[in-house]
């Protein structure tokens, strides 16, 4: 197991009042990873976030730019897996930082989520690493989206991972319309 934190980026939508929501991670989408350790392809499988949702969904916080040295600006109100991917909704706190973040979202300056996660279980499907279980650590609002289907290498920790496919990176995906499924609101 590794203690490295990995990142993914996806489109978000302003909600009503002080909420933001969107598809945080698409399922089944193959993403090309190209970082300091080489190139490979990866995808997330439905069920990869099941344990996080069951065990700690109420603890998932919203940050800006993955800056965990600052206080979070919000908390998860809904996390659920759909056929399309992990849907996330957050209530943004009524603070100066929260107000600034909401204004940037509403004006279209910031329009992406990025998740910080730790890979727990993977499977190799030919040349594709399929994420079957990950621990969702945090979600951030980010201003620097990655191109769809591509990822840029980013090291979250200085220590080299044990396995070559545990690497920090970010990718962008566009949210698609979601199908309603039973879920629990936090």
C-alpha atoms as a PDB file:
ATOM      1  CA  UNK A   1       0.000   0.000   0.000  1.00  0.00           C
ATOM      2  CA  UNK A   2       1.147   3.545  -0.617  1.00  0.00           C
ATOM      3  CA  UNK A   3       0.610   6.747   1.305  1.00  0.00           C
ATOM      4  CA  UNK A   4       0.707   8.860  -1.837  1.00  0.00           C
ATOM      5  CA  UNK A   5      -2.187  11.204  -2.583  1.00  0.00           C
ATOM      6  CA  UNK A   6      -3.330  11.326  -6.220  1.00  0.00           C
ATOM      7  CA  UNK A   7      -5.481  13.983  -7.894  1.00  0.00           C
ATOM      8  CA  UNK A   8      -8.218  14.062 -10.578  1.00  0.00           C
ATOM      9  CA  UNK A   9     -10.062  17.068 -12.019  1.00  0.00           C
ATOM     10  CA  UNK A  10     -13.666  17.275 -13.299  1.00  0.00           C
ATOM     11  CA  UNK A  11     -16.253  19.934 -14.173  1.00  0.00           C
ATOM     12  CA  UNK A  12     -18.498  21.320 -11.407  1.00  0.00           C
ATOM     13  CA  UNK A  13     -21.799  23.188 -11.449  1.00  0.00           C
ATOM     14  CA  UNK A  14     -22.988  25.984  -9.182  1.00  0.00           C
ATOM     15  CA  UNK A  15     -25.978  24.801  -7.199  1.00  0.00           C
ATOM     16  CA  UNK A  16     -28.611  26.801  -5.441  1.00  0.00           C
ATOM     17  CA  UNK A  17     -27.666  28.973  -2.508  1.00  0.00           C
ATOM     18  CA  UNK A  18     -24.302  27.906  -1.140  1.00  0.00           C
ATOM     19  CA  UNK A  19     -23.929  24.523  -2.855  1.00  0.00           C
ATOM     20  CA  UNK A  20     -21.750  23.276  -5.696  1.00  0.00           C
ATOM     21  CA  UNK A  21     -22.058  19.888  -7.342  1.00  0.00           C
ATOM     22  CA  UNK A  22     -20.860  17.802 -10.236  1.00  0.00           C
ATOM     23  CA  UNK A  23     -19.460  14.542 -11.449  1.00  0.00           C
ATOM     24  CA  UNK A  24     -16.155  14.348  -9.585  1.00  0.00           C
ATOM     25  CA  UNK A  25     -14.812  11.210 -11.301  1.00  0.00           C
ATOM     26  CA  UNK A  26     -16.216   9.495 -14.395  1.00  0.00           C
ATOM     27  CA  UNK A  27     -16.365   5.684 -14.426  1.00  0.00           C
ATOM     28  CA  UNK A  28     -15.059   3.662 -17.333  1.00  0.00           C
ATOM     29  CA  UNK A  29     -13.234   6.550 -19.012  1.00  0.00           C
ATOM     30  CA  UNK A  30      -9.709   5.568 -20.004  1.00  0.00           C
ATOM     31  CA  UNK A  31      -7.193   8.313 -19.245  1.00  0.00           C
ATOM     32  CA  UNK A  32      -3.654   8.430 -20.545  1.00  0.00           C
ATOM     33  CA  UNK A  33      -1.158   9.175 -17.782  1.00  0.00           C
ATOM     34  CA  UNK A  34       2.219  10.606 -18.672  1.00  0.00           C
ATOM     35  CA  UNK A  35       4.456  11.584 -15.804  1.00  0.00           C
ATOM     36  CA  UNK A  36       8.031  11.331 -14.588  1.00  0.00           C
ATOM     37  CA  UNK A  37       7.682   7.551 -14.208  1.00  0.00           C
ATOM     38  CA  UNK A  38       6.419   6.837 -17.729  1.00  0.00           C
ATOM     39  CA  UNK A  39       3.162   6.473 -19.599  1.00  0.00           C
ATOM     40  CA  UNK A  40       0.210   4.205 -18.926  1.00  0.00           C
ATOM     41  CA  UNK A  41      -3.580   4.222 -19.125  1.00  0.00           C
ATOM     42  CA  UNK A  42      -6.036   4.140 -16.258  1.00  0.00           C
ATOM     43  CA  UNK A  43      -9.754   4.150 -15.460  1.00  0.00           C
ATOM     44  CA  UNK A  44     -12.036   4.097 -12.418  1.00  0.00           C
ATOM     45  CA  UNK A  45     -14.522   1.287 -11.922  1.00  0.00           C
ATOM     46  CA  UNK A  46     -17.973   1.710 -10.422  1.00  0.00           C
ATOM     47  CA  UNK A  47     -17.708   0.722  -6.759  1.00  0.00           C
ATOM     48  CA  UNK A  48     -14.247   2.262  -6.304  1.00  0.00           C
ATOM     49  CA  UNK A  49     -15.663   4.824  -3.829  1.00  0.00           C
ATOM     50  CA  UNK A  50     -18.137   2.502  -2.051  1.00  0.00           C
ATOM     51  CA  UNK A  51     -16.093   2.187   1.150  1.00  0.00           C
ATOM     52  CA  UNK A  52     -15.370   5.931   1.369  1.00  0.00           C
ATOM     53  CA  UNK A  53     -19.070   6.710   0.964  1.00  0.00           C
ATOM     54  CA  UNK A  54     -20.049   4.186   3.628  1.00  0.00           C
ATOM     55  CA  UNK A  55     -17.290   4.922   6.136  1.00  0.00           C
ATOM     56  CA  UNK A  56     -16.406   8.582   5.869  1.00  0.00           C
ATOM     57  CA  UNK A  57     -18.561  10.531   3.403  1.00  0.00           C
ATOM     58  CA  UNK A  58     -19.532  12.955   6.180  1.00  0.00           C
ATOM     59  CA  UNK A  59     -15.833  13.748   6.731  1.00  0.00           C
ATOM     60  CA  UNK A  60     -14.963  14.697   3.144  1.00  0.00           C
ATOM     61  CA  UNK A  61     -14.136  18.401   3.014  1.00  0.00           C
ATOM     62  CA  UNK A  62     -13.950  20.949   0.193  1.00  0.00           C
ATOM     63  CA  UNK A  63     -10.695  22.887  -0.225  1.00  0.00           C
ATOM     64  CA  UNK A  64      -9.277  25.257  -2.832  1.00  0.00           C
ATOM     65  CA  UNK A  65      -6.301  24.230  -4.969  1.00  0.00           C
ATOM     66  CA  UNK A  66      -5.622  21.176  -2.726  1.00  0.00           C
ATOM     67  CA  UNK A  67      -4.271  23.543  -0.069  1.00  0.00           C
ATOM     68  CA  UNK A  68      -4.836  21.480   3.066  1.00  0.00           C
ATOM     69  CA  UNK A  69      -2.726  23.911   5.098  1.00  0.00           C
ATOM     70  CA  UNK A  70      -5.747  26.234   5.075  1.00  0.00           C
ATOM     71  CA  UNK A  71      -9.118  25.521   6.602  1.00  0.00           C
ATOM     72  CA  UNK A  72     -11.676  23.832   4.350  1.00  0.00           C
ATOM     73  CA  UNK A  73     -14.301  26.036   2.724  1.00  0.00           C
ATOM     74  CA  UNK A  74     -17.064  23.430   2.732  1.00  0.00           C
ATOM     75  CA  UNK A  75     -18.253  19.912   3.493  1.00  0.00           C
ATOM     76  CA  UNK A  76     -19.856  17.108   1.528  1.00  0.00           C
ATOM     77  CA  UNK A  77     -23.642  16.992   1.631  1.00  0.00           C
ATOM     78  CA  UNK A  78     -23.933  14.206  -0.921  1.00  0.00           C
ATOM     79  CA  UNK A  79     -21.593  11.590  -2.364  1.00  0.00           C
ATOM     80  CA  UNK A  80     -22.972   8.793  -4.515  1.00  0.00           C
ATOM     81  CA  UNK A  81     -21.912   6.496  -7.275  1.00  0.00           C
ATOM     82  CA  UNK A  82     -24.007   6.579 -10.442  1.00  0.00           C
ATOM     83  CA  UNK A  83     -23.591   4.690 -13.697  1.00  0.00           C
ATOM     84  CA  UNK A  84     -21.625   7.698 -14.973  1.00  0.00           C
ATOM     85  CA  UNK A  85     -19.301   8.262 -12.014  1.00  0.00           C
ATOM     86  CA  UNK A  86     -18.922   9.709  -8.530  1.00  0.00           C
ATOM     87  CA  UNK A  87     -21.408  12.546  -8.003  1.00  0.00           C
ATOM     88  CA  UNK A  88     -20.433  15.042  -5.291  1.00  0.00           C
ATOM     89  CA  UNK A  89     -22.293  17.975  -3.724  1.00  0.00           C
ATOM     90  CA  UNK A  90     -20.844  20.389  -1.181  1.00  0.00           C
ATOM     91  CA  UNK A  91     -22.193  23.116   1.064  1.00  0.00           C
ATOM     92  CA  UNK A  92     -19.837  26.094   1.017  1.00  0.00           C
ATOM     93  CA  UNK A  93     -19.322  27.841   4.362  1.00  0.00           C
ATOM     94  CA  UNK A  94     -20.433  31.466   4.835  1.00  0.00           C
ATOM     95  CA  UNK A  95     -16.884  32.745   5.286  1.00  0.00           C
ATOM     96  CA  UNK A  96     -14.799  35.205   3.306  1.00  0.00           C
ATOM     97  CA  UNK A  97     -13.012  32.341   1.541  1.00  0.00           C
ATOM     98  CA  UNK A  98     -16.337  30.577   0.891  1.00  0.00           C
ATOM     99  CA  UNK A  99     -17.929  33.750  -0.475  1.00  0.00           C
ATOM    100  CA  UNK A 100     -14.928  34.349  -2.748  1.00  0.00           C
ATOM    101  CA  UNK A 101     -15.053  30.766  -4.024  1.00  0.00           C
ATOM    102  CA  UNK A 102     -18.786  30.968  -4.789  1.00  0.00           C
ATOM    103  CA  UNK A 103     -18.327  34.224  -6.696  1.00  0.00           C
ATOM    104  CA  UNK A 104     -15.510  32.706  -8.772  1.00  0.00           C
ATOM    105  CA  UNK A 105     -17.717  29.682  -9.550  1.00  0.00           C
ATOM    106  CA  UNK A 106     -20.787  31.761 -10.423  1.00  0.00           C
ATOM    107  CA  UNK A 107     -18.736  34.016 -12.705  1.00  0.00           C
ATOM    108  CA  UNK A 108     -17.214  30.987 -14.466  1.00  0.00           C
ATOM    109  CA  UNK A 109     -13.634  31.710 -13.425  1.00  0.00           C
ATOM    110  CA  UNK A 110     -13.437  28.446 -11.441  1.00  0.00           C
ATOM    111  CA  UNK A 111     -15.377  25.511 -12.860  1.00  0.00           C
ATOM    112  CA  UNK A 112     -13.552  22.340 -11.884  1.00  0.00           C
ATOM    113  CA  UNK A 113     -13.399  19.875  -9.026  1.00  0.00           C
ATOM    114  CA  UNK A 114     -10.225  17.929  -8.345  1.00  0.00           C
ATOM    115  CA  UNK A 115     -10.171  14.998  -5.964  1.00  0.00           C
ATOM    116  CA  UNK A 116      -7.347  13.911  -3.701  1.00  0.00           C
ATOM    117  CA  UNK A 117      -7.377  10.157  -3.232  1.00  0.00           C
ATOM    118  CA  UNK A 118      -5.235   7.253  -2.171  1.00  0.00           C
ATOM    119  CA  UNK A 119      -5.348   4.105  -4.336  1.00  0.00           C
ATOM    120  CA  UNK A 120      -6.220   1.019  -2.300  1.00  0.00           C
ATOM    121  CA  UNK A 121      -6.867  -1.731  -4.884  1.00  0.00           C
ATOM    122  CA  UNK A 122      -6.130  -1.897  -8.596  1.00  0.00           C
ATOM    123  CA  UNK A 123      -6.411  -4.430 -11.367  1.00  0.00           C
ATOM    124  CA  UNK A 124      -4.456  -4.659 -14.600  1.00  0.00           C
ATOM    125  CA  UNK A 125      -6.625  -5.011 -17.704  1.00  0.00           C
ATOM    126  CA  UNK A 126      -4.023  -5.363 -20.429  1.00  0.00           C
ATOM    127  CA  UNK A 127      -2.206  -2.033 -20.463  1.00  0.00           C
ATOM    128  CA  UNK A 128      -4.876  -0.287 -18.351  1.00  0.00           C
ATOM    129  CA  UNK A 129      -4.748   0.140 -14.575  1.00  0.00           C
ATOM    130  CA  UNK A 130      -8.332  -0.106 -13.313  1.00  0.00           C
ATOM    131  CA  UNK A 131      -8.966   1.531  -9.928  1.00  0.00           C
ATOM    132  CA  UNK A 132     -11.276  -0.810  -8.025  1.00  0.00           C
ATOM    133  CA  UNK A 133     -11.006   0.837  -4.602  1.00  0.00           C
ATOM    134  CA  UNK A 134      -9.730   4.258  -3.603  1.00  0.00           C
ATOM    135  CA  UNK A 135      -9.905   6.296  -0.411  1.00  0.00           C
ATOM    136  CA  UNK A 136     -11.331   9.745  -1.183  1.00  0.00           C
ATOM    137  CA  UNK A 137      -9.437  12.172   1.053  1.00  0.00           C
ATOM    138  CA  UNK A 138     -10.641  15.575  -0.138  1.00  0.00           C
ATOM    139  CA  UNK A 139     -12.170  17.504  -3.001  1.00  0.00           C
ATOM    140  CA  UNK A 140     -10.871  20.876  -4.170  1.00  0.00           C
ATOM    141  CA  UNK A 141     -12.009  23.712  -6.359  1.00  0.00           C
ATOM    142  CA  UNK A 142      -9.288  24.265  -8.956  1.00  0.00           C
ATOM    143  CA  UNK A 143      -8.625  26.862 -11.608  1.00  0.00           C
ATOM    144  CA  UNK A 144      -6.223  24.786 -13.721  1.00  0.00           C
ATOM    145  CA  UNK A 145      -8.124  21.962 -15.447  1.00  0.00           C
ATOM    146  CA  UNK A 146      -6.338  19.265 -17.410  1.00  0.00           C
ATOM    147  CA  UNK A 147      -7.257  18.275 -20.934  1.00  0.00           C
ATOM    148  CA  UNK A 148      -9.911  15.526 -21.200  1.00  0.00           C
ATOM    149  CA  UNK A 149      -8.343  12.100 -21.410  1.00  0.00           C
ATOM    150  CA  UNK A 150      -4.853  13.320 -20.499  1.00  0.00           C
ATOM    151  CA  UNK A 151      -3.019  13.701 -17.229  1.00  0.00           C
ATOM    152  CA  UNK A 152       0.092  15.582 -16.221  1.00  0.00           C
ATOM    153  CA  UNK A 153       2.435  14.146 -13.625  1.00  0.00           C
ATOM    154  CA  UNK A 154       2.351  15.688 -10.160  1.00  0.00           C
ATOM    155  CA  UNK A 155       4.097  14.312  -7.110  1.00  0.00           C
ATOM    156  CA  UNK A 156       2.102  14.575  -3.914  1.00  0.00           C
ATOM    157  CA  UNK A 157       4.927  13.214  -1.768  1.00  0.00           C
ATOM    158  CA  UNK A 158       8.676  13.165  -2.198  1.00  0.00           C
ATOM    159  CA  UNK A 159       8.879   9.411  -1.549  1.00  0.00           C
ATOM    160  CA  UNK A 160       8.883   7.193  -4.655  1.00  0.00           C
ATOM    161  CA  UNK A 161       5.901   4.800  -4.664  1.00  0.00           C
ATOM    162  CA  UNK A 162       6.411   1.030  -4.467  1.00  0.00           C
ATOM    163  CA  UNK A 163       4.433   0.394  -7.660  1.00  0.00           C
ATOM    164  CA  UNK A 164       4.982   2.345 -10.868  1.00  0.00           C
ATOM    165  CA  UNK A 165       1.249   2.981 -11.384  1.00  0.00           C
ATOM    166  CA  UNK A 166       0.805   4.853  -8.066  1.00  0.00           C
ATOM    167  CA  UNK A 167       1.484   8.388  -9.271  1.00  0.00           C
ATOM    168  CA  UNK A 168       0.080  11.814  -8.504  1.00  0.00           C
ATOM    169  CA  UNK A 169      -1.743  13.511 -11.364  1.00  0.00           C
ATOM    170  CA  UNK A 170      -4.809  15.411 -12.437  1.00  0.00           C
ATOM    171  CA  UNK A 171      -7.231  14.895 -15.302  1.00  0.00           C
ATOM    172  CA  UNK A 172     -10.306  16.675 -16.544  1.00  0.00           C
ATOM    173  CA  UNK A 173     -13.617  15.206 -17.591  1.00  0.00           C
ATOM    174  CA  UNK A 174     -16.835  16.870 -18.594  1.00  0.00           C
ATOM    175  CA  UNK A 175     -19.904  16.050 -16.527  1.00  0.00           C
ATOM    176  CA  UNK A 176     -22.688  14.265 -18.359  1.00  0.00           C
ATOM    177  CA  UNK A 177     -26.368  14.270 -17.357  1.00  0.00           C
ATOM    178  CA  UNK A 178     -26.845  11.979 -14.390  1.00  0.00           C
ATOM    179  CA  UNK A 179     -29.428   9.226 -14.047  1.00  0.00           C
ATOM    180  CA  UNK A 180     -31.259   9.355 -10.736  1.00  0.00           C
ATOM    181  CA  UNK A 181     -30.437   6.462  -8.441  1.00  0.00           C
ATOM    182  CA  UNK A 182     -31.236   5.778  -4.800  1.00  0.00           C
ATOM    183  CA  UNK A 183     -28.734   7.476  -2.510  1.00  0.00           C
ATOM    184  CA  UNK A 184     -28.353   8.884   0.923  1.00  0.00           C
ATOM    185  CA  UNK A 185     -27.955  12.585   1.544  1.00  0.00           C
ATOM    186  CA  UNK A 186     -25.502  13.371   4.305  1.00  0.00           C
END
